[in-house]
Amino acid sequence: MNTKMTNEHTVHPAITQEALAHLGGGRIAYVKAIRSEDVATLFPQAPQIAPGVKLFVLHAADGTPIMLTDTREAALANAWSQELEAVSVH
């Protein structure tokens, strides 16, 4: 595991993307709100969406986008249906 300096006195371990992918046996996910303008970055195959729409993405623990929806509840339901545990991130 790498370390990351956050100021002169504190060192925090930096976790790799691979280590994140294996958290919880690969069964951890999180939901993140995004704007419709950012959809093409995560989902290049998605159709054009009107600007200014708030959407939600279900991500695997390593940040891989799993699905896009218009409600947080739908993203959480999808996580549950795939036997993923959705956690809060800040």
Protein backbone atom coordinates (compact mmCIF):
# COMPACT_ATOMS: atom_id res chain seq x y z
CA MET A 1 0.00 0.00 0.00
CA ASN A 2 1.30 3.44 -0.89
CA THR A 3 1.32 6.34 1.52
CA LYS A 4 0.12 9.84 0.85
CA MET A 5 1.23 12.99 2.66
CA THR A 6 -1.73 15.19 3.52
CA ASN A 7 0.27 17.78 5.44
CA GLU A 8 3.68 18.03 7.08
CA HIS A 9 2.79 15.74 9.99
CA THR A 10 0.16 13.27 8.82
CA VAL A 11 0.63 10.26 6.56
CA HIS A 12 -2.42 8.30 5.39
CA PRO A 13 -2.19 5.04 3.48
CA ALA A 14 -3.42 5.34 -0.11
CA ILE A 15 -5.50 2.38 -1.26
CA THR A 16 -5.11 1.12 -4.80
CA GLN A 17 -7.97 0.69 -7.25
CA GLU A 18 -7.33 -3.06 -7.21
CA ALA A 19 -7.62 -3.15 -3.40
CA LEU A 20 -10.87 -1.17 -3.60
CA ALA A 21 -12.26 -3.66 -6.11
CA HIS A 22 -11.78 -6.47 -3.59
CA LEU A 23 -13.36 -4.69 -0.62
CA GLY A 24 -16.16 -6.79 0.80
CA GLY A 25 -15.34 -9.63 -1.56
CA GLY A 26 -16.26 -7.45 -4.54
CA ARG A 27 -19.77 -6.92 -3.15
CA ILE A 28 -19.43 -3.23 -2.15
CA ALA A 29 -20.89 -0.42 -4.26
CA TYR A 30 -21.76 3.25 -3.88
CA VAL A 31 -24.18 5.72 -5.46
CA LYS A 32 -23.06 9.11 -6.72
CA ALA A 33 -25.14 11.97 -8.10
CA ILE A 34 -23.96 13.40 -11.42
CA ARG A 35 -25.19 15.94 -13.97
CA SER A 36 -26.43 14.82 -17.35
CA GLU A 37 -23.54 16.73 -18.93
CA ASP A 38 -21.15 14.19 -17.36
CA VAL A 39 -22.92 11.02 -18.53
CA ALA A 40 -20.88 10.59 -21.73
CA THR A 41 -17.66 10.41 -19.68
CA LEU A 42 -18.90 7.36 -17.75
CA PHE A 43 -21.25 5.87 -20.34
CA PRO A 44 -20.01 6.76 -23.86
CA GLN A 45 -22.74 4.58 -25.42
CA ALA A 46 -25.56 6.46 -23.66
CA PRO A 47 -27.90 8.58 -25.77
CA GLN A 48 -27.76 12.37 -25.52
CA ILE A 49 -29.54 13.65 -22.40
CA ALA A 50 -30.80 17.20 -21.96
CA PRO A 51 -28.40 19.35 -19.94
CA GLY A 52 -29.10 20.17 -16.30
CA VAL A 53 -30.66 16.84 -15.31
CA LYS A 54 -29.59 15.31 -11.99
CA LEU A 55 -28.89 11.58 -12.34
CA PHE A 56 -27.44 8.83 -10.18
CA VAL A 57 -24.73 6.30 -10.94
CA LEU A 58 -24.19 3.01 -9.13
CA HIS A 59 -20.44 2.38 -8.96
CA ALA A 60 -18.44 -0.68 -7.94
CA ALA A 61 -16.06 -0.04 -5.04
CA ASP A 62 -13.20 0.62 -7.48
CA GLY A 63 -15.20 3.35 -9.23
CA THR A 64 -16.35 1.31 -12.23
CA PRO A 65 -19.80 2.59 -13.26
CA ILE A 66 -22.44 -0.13 -13.16
CA MET A 67 -25.69 1.65 -14.01
CA LEU A 68 -27.27 5.06 -14.55
CA THR A 69 -30.71 6.06 -13.33
CA ASP A 70 -32.83 9.10 -12.53
CA THR A 71 -33.36 8.30 -8.83
CA ARG A 72 -31.11 7.32 -5.95
CA GLU A 73 -33.70 4.75 -4.88
CA ALA A 74 -33.51 2.98 -8.25
CA ALA A 75 -29.71 2.82 -8.00
CA LEU A 76 -29.96 1.34 -4.49
CA ALA A 77 -32.58 -1.16 -5.66
CA ASN A 78 -30.30 -2.23 -8.49
CA ALA A 79 -27.44 -2.72 -6.03
CA TRP A 80 -29.69 -4.86 -3.86
CA SER A 81 -30.87 -6.93 -6.86
CA GLN A 82 -27.22 -7.64 -7.74
CA GLU A 83 -26.47 -8.59 -4.13
CA LEU A 84 -24.23 -5.55 -3.68
CA GLU A 85 -24.01 -3.63 -0.43
CA ALA A 86 -24.33 0.10 -1.12
CA VAL A 87 -22.27 2.19 1.28
CA SER A 88 -22.07 5.93 1.89
CA VAL A 89 -18.98 7.78 0.75
CA HIS A 90 -18.01 11.34 1.55
